[in-house]
Amino acid sequence: MRILPLLCALLLLMLQGTAGLSLARGSPQDCERRGGFCSHRSCPPGIGRIGLCSEQDFCCRRRWYP
């Protein structure tokens, strides 16, 4: 029973770390600084989302394949 609080604390730390993996909300200038562009509602095929420009605009950037 002593291990239960330790497991709960470990689970809390793991969940806290994944909270930062969501799409970052910024401005069109932030998007351009990150090498992307703003696209209304969705990104074109072959282009990945890297953030948000506004509530309806996504920040998109071309995926680089080696």
PDB file of N, CA and C in Angstrom:
ATOM      1  N   MET A   1       0.812  -1.210   0.000  1.00  0.00           N
ATOM      2  CA  MET A   1       0.000   0.000   0.000  1.00  0.00           C
ATOM      3  C   MET A   1       0.852   1.269   0.000  1.00  0.00           C
ATOM      4  N   ARG A   2       2.108   1.160   0.371  1.00  0.00           N
ATOM      5  CA  ARG A   2       2.959   2.349   0.378  1.00  0.00           C
ATOM      6  C   ARG A   2       3.337   2.764  -1.035  1.00  0.00           C
ATOM      7  N   ILE A   3       3.257   1.862  -1.975  1.00  0.00           N
ATOM      8  CA  ILE A   3       3.650   2.179  -3.345  1.00  0.00           C
ATOM      9  C   ILE A   3       2.551   2.945  -4.087  1.00  0.00           C
ATOM     10  N   LEU A   4       1.334   2.870  -3.653  1.00  0.00           N
ATOM     11  CA  LEU A   4       0.222   3.536  -4.327  1.00  0.00           C
ATOM     12  C   LEU A   4       0.410   5.053  -4.423  1.00  0.00           C
ATOM     13  N   PRO A   5       0.786   5.766  -3.350  1.00  0.00           N
ATOM     14  CA  PRO A   5       1.018   7.210  -3.507  1.00  0.00           C
ATOM     15  C   PRO A   5       2.156   7.531  -4.481  1.00  0.00           C
ATOM     16  N   LEU A   6       3.182   6.687  -4.515  1.00  0.00           N
ATOM     17  CA  LEU A   6       4.282   6.908  -5.452  1.00  0.00           C
ATOM     18  C   LEU A   6       3.827   6.725  -6.896  1.00  0.00           C
ATOM     19  N   LEU A   7       2.994   5.720  -7.135  1.00  0.00           N
ATOM     20  CA  LEU A   7       2.468   5.510  -8.477  1.00  0.00           C
ATOM     21  C   LEU A   7       1.571   6.663  -8.910  1.00  0.00           C
ATOM     22  N   CYS A   8       0.779   7.172  -8.006  1.00  0.00           N
ATOM     23  CA  CYS A   8      -0.085   8.317  -8.322  1.00  0.00           C
ATOM     24  C   CYS A   8       0.746   9.550  -8.651  1.00  0.00           C
ATOM     25  N   ALA A   9       1.811   9.784  -7.898  1.00  0.00           N
ATOM     26  CA  ALA A   9       2.679  10.928  -8.171  1.00  0.00           C
ATOM     27  C   ALA A   9       3.377  10.773  -9.519  1.00  0.00           C
ATOM     28  N   LEU A  10       3.825   9.576  -9.848  1.00  0.00           N
ATOM     29  CA  LEU A  10       4.469   9.322 -11.125  1.00  0.00           C
ATOM     30  C   LEU A  10       3.488   9.526 -12.284  1.00  0.00           C
ATOM     31  N   LEU A  11       2.272   9.054 -12.125  1.00  0.00           N
ATOM     32  CA  LEU A  11       1.248   9.242 -13.148  1.00  0.00           C
ATOM     33  C   LEU A  11       0.948  10.724 -13.354  1.00  0.00           C
ATOM     34  N   LEU A  12       0.869  11.474 -12.273  1.00  0.00           N
ATOM     35  CA  LEU A  12       0.618  12.908 -12.364  1.00  0.00           C
ATOM     36  C   LEU A  12       1.749  13.623 -13.120  1.00  0.00           C
ATOM     37  N   LEU A  13       2.988  13.259 -12.841  1.00  0.00           N
ATOM     38  CA  LEU A  13       4.118  13.860 -13.543  1.00  0.00           C
ATOM     39  C   LEU A  13       4.110  13.518 -15.027  1.00  0.00           C
ATOM     40  N   MET A  14       3.732  12.287 -15.367  1.00  0.00           N
ATOM     41  CA  MET A  14       3.679  11.891 -16.770  1.00  0.00           C
ATOM     42  C   MET A  14       2.587  12.651 -17.509  1.00  0.00           C
ATOM     43  N   LEU A  15       1.430  12.809 -16.901  1.00  0.00           N
ATOM     44  CA  LEU A  15       0.330  13.527 -17.543  1.00  0.00           C
ATOM     45  C   LEU A  15       0.640  15.013 -17.672  1.00  0.00           C
ATOM     46  N   GLN A  16       1.351  15.550 -16.724  1.00  0.00           N
ATOM     47  CA  GLN A  16       1.716  16.960 -16.761  1.00  0.00           C
ATOM     48  C   GLN A  16       2.681  17.222 -17.922  1.00  0.00           C
ATOM     49  N   GLY A  17       3.551  16.291 -18.203  1.00  0.00           N
ATOM     50  CA  GLY A  17       4.500  16.450 -19.297  1.00  0.00           C
ATOM     51  C   GLY A  17       3.836  16.398 -20.660  1.00  0.00           C
ATOM     52  N   THR A  18       2.772  15.607 -20.813  1.00  0.00           N
ATOM     53  CA  THR A  18       2.097  15.508 -22.098  1.00  0.00           C
ATOM     54  C   THR A  18       1.198  16.700 -22.364  1.00  0.00           C
ATOM     55  N   ALA A  19       0.934  17.522 -21.375  1.00  0.00           N
ATOM     56  CA  ALA A  19       0.069  18.681 -21.581  1.00  0.00           C
ATOM     57  C   ALA A  19       0.717  19.696 -22.510  1.00  0.00           C
ATOM     58  N   GLY A  20       2.021  19.728 -22.608  1.00  0.00           N
ATOM     59  CA  GLY A  20       2.706  20.674 -23.474  1.00  0.00           C
ATOM     60  C   GLY A  20       2.789  20.246 -24.923  1.00  0.00           C
ATOM     61  N   LEU A  21       2.221  19.101 -25.281  1.00  0.00           N
ATOM     62  CA  LEU A  21       2.309  18.615 -26.642  1.00  0.00           C
ATOM     63  C   LEU A  21       1.178  19.099 -27.531  1.00  0.00           C
ATOM     64  N   SER A  22       0.302  19.925 -27.041  1.00  0.00           N
ATOM     65  CA  SER A  22      -0.803  20.411 -27.855  1.00  0.00           C
ATOM     66  C   SER A  22      -0.309  21.464 -28.844  1.00  0.00           C
ATOM     67  N   LEU A  23      -1.151  21.792 -29.820  1.00  0.00           N
ATOM     68  CA  LEU A  23      -0.791  22.801 -30.811  1.00  0.00           C
ATOM     69  C   LEU A  23      -0.659  24.158 -30.148  1.00  0.00           C
ATOM     70  N   ALA A  24       0.390  24.844 -30.473  1.00  0.00           N
ATOM     71  CA  ALA A  24       0.625  26.154 -29.882  1.00  0.00           C
ATOM     72  C   ALA A  24      -0.242  27.206 -30.560  1.00  0.00           C
ATOM     73  N   ARG A  25      -0.876  28.064 -29.788  1.00  0.00           N
ATOM     74  CA  ARG A  25      -1.681  29.149 -30.339  1.00  0.00           C
ATOM     75  C   ARG A  25      -0.825  30.395 -30.398  1.00  0.00           C
ATOM     76  N   GLY A  26      -0.809  31.009 -31.550  1.00  0.00           N
ATOM     77  CA  GLY A  26      -0.006  32.203 -31.719  1.00  0.00           C
ATOM     78  C   GLY A  26      -0.621  33.132 -32.736  1.00  0.00           C
ATOM     79  N   SER A  27       0.205  33.950 -33.305  1.00  0.00           N
ATOM     80  CA  SER A  27      -0.236  34.915 -34.302  1.00  0.00           C
ATOM     81  C   SER A  27       0.348  34.514 -35.654  1.00  0.00           C
ATOM     82  N   PRO A  28      -0.130  35.134 -36.734  1.00  0.00           N
ATOM     83  CA  PRO A  28       0.470  34.855 -38.042  1.00  0.00           C
ATOM     84  C   PRO A  28       1.973  35.157 -38.076  1.00  0.00           C
ATOM     85  N   GLN A  29       2.403  36.161 -37.332  1.00  0.00           N
ATOM     86  CA  GLN A  29       3.834  36.470 -37.287  1.00  0.00           C
ATOM     87  C   GLN A  29       4.623  35.342 -36.619  1.00  0.00           C
ATOM     88  N   ASP A  30       4.069  34.757 -35.556  1.00  0.00           N
ATOM     89  CA  ASP A  30       4.730  33.623 -34.901  1.00  0.00           C
ATOM     90  C   ASP A  30       4.828  32.442 -35.859  1.00  0.00           C
ATOM     91  N   CYS A  31       3.771  32.229 -36.625  1.00  0.00           N
ATOM     92  CA  CYS A  31       3.748  31.125 -37.587  1.00  0.00           C
ATOM     93  C   CYS A  31       4.835  31.316 -38.644  1.00  0.00           C
ATOM     94  N   GLU A  32       4.934  32.509 -39.189  1.00  0.00           N
ATOM     95  CA  GLU A  32       5.949  32.788 -40.204  1.00  0.00           C
ATOM     96  C   GLU A  32       7.352  32.662 -39.626  1.00  0.00           C
ATOM     97  N   ARG A  33       7.529  33.052 -38.369  1.00  0.00           N
ATOM     98  CA  ARG A  33       8.832  32.932 -37.709  1.00  0.00           C
ATOM     99  C   ARG A  33       9.247  31.473 -37.578  1.00  0.00           C
ATOM    100  N   ARG A  34       8.254  30.585 -37.461  1.00  0.00           N
ATOM    101  CA  ARG A  34       8.529  29.153 -37.340  1.00  0.00           C
ATOM    102  C   ARG A  34       8.644  28.473 -38.700  1.00  0.00           C
ATOM    103  N   GLY A  35       8.607  29.262 -39.771  1.00  0.00           N
ATOM    104  CA  GLY A  35       8.768  28.703 -41.110  1.00  0.00           C
ATOM    105  C   GLY A  35       7.485  28.189 -41.710  1.00  0.00           C
ATOM    106  N   GLY A  36       6.345  28.639 -41.201  1.00  0.00           N
ATOM    107  CA  GLY A  36       5.059  28.160 -41.701  1.00  0.00           C
ATOM    108  C   GLY A  36       4.235  29.250 -42.348  1.00  0.00           C
ATOM    109  N   PHE A  37       2.995  28.897 -42.659  1.00  0.00           N
ATOM    110  CA  PHE A  37       2.042  29.837 -43.227  1.00  0.00           C
ATOM    111  C   PHE A  37       0.664  29.515 -42.657  1.00  0.00           C
ATOM    112  N   CYS A  38      -0.225  30.492 -42.652  1.00  0.00           N
ATOM    113  CA  CYS A  38      -1.576  30.308 -42.129  1.00  0.00           C
ATOM    114  C   CYS A  38      -2.493  29.800 -43.234  1.00  0.00           C
ATOM    115  N   SER A  39      -3.311  28.809 -42.900  1.00  0.00           N
ATOM    116  CA  SER A  39      -4.261  28.247 -43.849  1.00  0.00           C
ATOM    117  C   SER A  39      -5.623  28.175 -43.184  1.00  0.00           C
ATOM    118  N   HIS A  40      -6.649  28.557 -43.925  1.00  0.00           N
ATOM    119  CA  HIS A  40      -8.004  28.608 -43.375  1.00  0.00           C
ATOM    120  C   HIS A  40      -8.589  27.202 -43.261  1.00  0.00           C
ATOM    121  N   ARG A  41      -9.023  26.829 -42.087  1.00  0.00           N
ATOM    122  CA  ARG A  41      -9.719  25.580 -41.750  1.00  0.00           C
ATOM    123  C   ARG A  41      -8.875  24.311 -41.793  1.00  0.00           C
ATOM    124  N   SER A  42      -7.988  24.123 -42.781  1.00  0.00           N
ATOM    125  CA  SER A  42      -7.154  22.913 -42.817  1.00  0.00           C
ATOM    126  C   SER A  42      -5.895  23.183 -43.625  1.00  0.00           C
ATOM    127  N   CYS A  43      -4.920  22.296 -43.451  1.00  0.00           N
ATOM    128  CA  CYS A  43      -3.679  22.407 -44.210  1.00  0.00           C
ATOM    129  C   CYS A  43      -3.814  21.585 -45.493  1.00  0.00           C
ATOM    130  N   PRO A  44      -3.166  22.004 -46.571  1.00  0.00           N
ATOM    131  CA  PRO A  44      -3.208  21.235 -47.816  1.00  0.00           C
ATOM    132  C   PRO A  44      -2.591  19.846 -47.623  1.00  0.00           C
ATOM    133  N   PRO A  45      -2.891  18.894 -48.514  1.00  0.00           N
ATOM    134  CA  PRO A  45      -2.299  17.548 -48.412  1.00  0.00           C
ATOM    135  C   PRO A  45      -0.776  17.601 -48.467  1.00  0.00           C
ATOM    136  N   GLY A  46      -0.137  16.805 -47.639  1.00  0.00           N
ATOM    137  CA  GLY A  46       1.318  16.760 -47.581  1.00  0.00           C
ATOM    138  C   GLY A  46       1.940  17.835 -46.713  1.00  0.00           C
ATOM    139  N   ILE A  47       1.103  18.687 -46.119  1.00  0.00           N
ATOM    140  CA  ILE A  47       1.564  19.776 -45.265  1.00  0.00           C
ATOM    141  C   ILE A  47       1.083  19.475 -43.846  1.00  0.00           C
ATOM    142  N   GLY A  48       1.944  19.614 -42.859  1.00  0.00           N
ATOM    143  CA  GLY A  48       1.587  19.305 -41.479  1.00  0.00           C
ATOM    144  C   GLY A  48       1.222  20.542 -40.674  1.00  0.00           C
ATOM    145  N   ARG A  49       0.376  20.351 -39.673  1.00  0.00           N
ATOM    146  CA  ARG A  49       0.016  21.435 -38.751  1.00  0.00           C
ATOM    147  C   ARG A  49       1.095  21.581 -37.695  1.00  0.00           C
ATOM    148  N   ILE A  50       1.510  22.817 -37.468  1.00  0.00           N
ATOM    149  CA  ILE A  50       2.503  23.053 -36.420  1.00  0.00           C
ATOM    150  C   ILE A  50       1.992  24.012 -35.362  1.00  0.00           C
ATOM    151  N   GLY A  51       0.768  24.493 -35.528  1.00  0.00           N
ATOM    152  CA  GLY A  51       0.206  25.413 -34.546  1.00  0.00           C
ATOM    153  C   GLY A  51      -1.088  26.023 -35.033  1.00  0.00           C
ATOM    154  N   LEU A  52      -1.508  27.074 -34.353  1.00  0.00           N
ATOM    155  CA  LEU A  52      -2.727  27.785 -34.691  1.00  0.00           C
ATOM    156  C   LEU A  52      -2.415  29.261 -34.884  1.00  0.00           C
ATOM    157  N   CYS A  53      -2.995  29.852 -35.917  1.00  0.00           N
ATOM    158  CA  CYS A  53      -2.871  31.293 -36.138  1.00  0.00           C
ATOM    159  C   CYS A  53      -4.027  32.035 -35.470  1.00  0.00           C
ATOM    160  N   SER A  54      -5.196  31.427 -35.485  1.00  0.00           N
ATOM    161  CA  SER A  54      -6.395  31.976 -34.849  1.00  0.00           C
ATOM    162  C   SER A  54      -7.351  30.817 -34.612  1.00  0.00           C
ATOM    163  N   GLU A  55      -8.581  31.104 -34.249  1.00  0.00           N
ATOM    164  CA  GLU A  55      -9.538  30.035 -33.959  1.00  0.00           C
ATOM    165  C   GLU A  55      -9.851  29.188 -35.185  1.00  0.00           C
ATOM    166  N   GLN A  56      -9.816  29.758 -36.385  1.00  0.00           N
ATOM    167  CA  GLN A  56     -10.172  29.022 -37.593  1.00  0.00           C
ATOM    168  C   GLN A  56      -8.997  28.797 -38.532  1.00  0.00           C
ATOM    169  N   ASP A  57      -7.849  29.369 -38.243  1.00  0.00           N
ATOM    170  CA  ASP A  57      -6.687  29.248 -39.122  1.00  0.00           C
ATOM    171  C   ASP A  57      -5.603  28.405 -38.464  1.00  0.00           C
ATOM    172  N   PHE A  58      -5.066  27.457 -39.243  1.00  0.00           N
ATOM    173  CA  PHE A  58      -3.978  26.617 -38.773  1.00  0.00           C
ATOM    174  C   PHE A  58      -2.651  27.138 -39.304  1.00  0.00           C
ATOM    175  N   CYS A  59      -1.621  26.956 -38.517  1.00  0.00           N
ATOM    176  CA  CYS A  59      -0.269  27.235 -38.971  1.00  0.00           C
ATOM    177  C   CYS A  59       0.255  25.936 -39.580  1.00  0.00           C
ATOM    178  N   CYS A  60       0.631  25.983 -40.842  1.00  0.00           N
ATOM    179  CA  CYS A  60       1.050  24.793 -41.588  1.00  0.00           C
ATOM    180  C   CYS A  60       2.490  24.945 -42.046  1.00  0.00           C
ATOM    181  N   ARG A  61       3.160  23.805 -42.174  1.00  0.00           N
ATOM    182  CA  ARG A  61       4.533  23.807 -42.687  1.00  0.00           C
ATOM    183  C   ARG A  61       4.755  22.510 -43.442  1.00  0.00           C
ATOM    184  N   ARG A  62       5.511  22.604 -44.510  1.00  0.00           N
ATOM    185  CA  ARG A  62       5.810  21.429 -45.323  1.00  0.00           C
ATOM    186  C   ARG A  62       6.635  20.437 -44.503  1.00  0.00           C
ATOM    187  N   ARG A  63       6.312  19.182 -44.640  1.00  0.00           N
ATOM    188  CA  ARG A  63       7.068  18.136 -43.954  1.00  0.00           C
ATOM    189  C   ARG A  63       8.315  17.839 -44.760  1.00  0.00           C
ATOM    190  N   TRP A  64       9.420  17.729 -44.062  1.00  0.00           N
ATOM    191  CA  TRP A  64      10.692  17.470 -44.727  1.00  0.00           C
ATOM    192  C   TRP A  64      11.018  15.998 -44.600  1.00  0.00           C
ATOM    193  N   TYR A  65      11.217  15.372 -45.719  1.00  0.00           N
ATOM    194  CA  TYR A  65      11.595  13.963 -45.734  1.00  0.00           C
ATOM    195  C   TYR A  65      13.032  13.844 -46.232  1.00  0.00           C
ATOM    196  N   PRO A  66      13.864  13.163 -45.467  1.00  0.00           N
ATOM    197  CA  PRO A  66      15.287  13.040 -45.873  1.00  0.00           C
ATOM    198  C   PRO A  66      15.476  12.152 -47.081  1.00  0.00           C
TER     199      PRO A  66
END
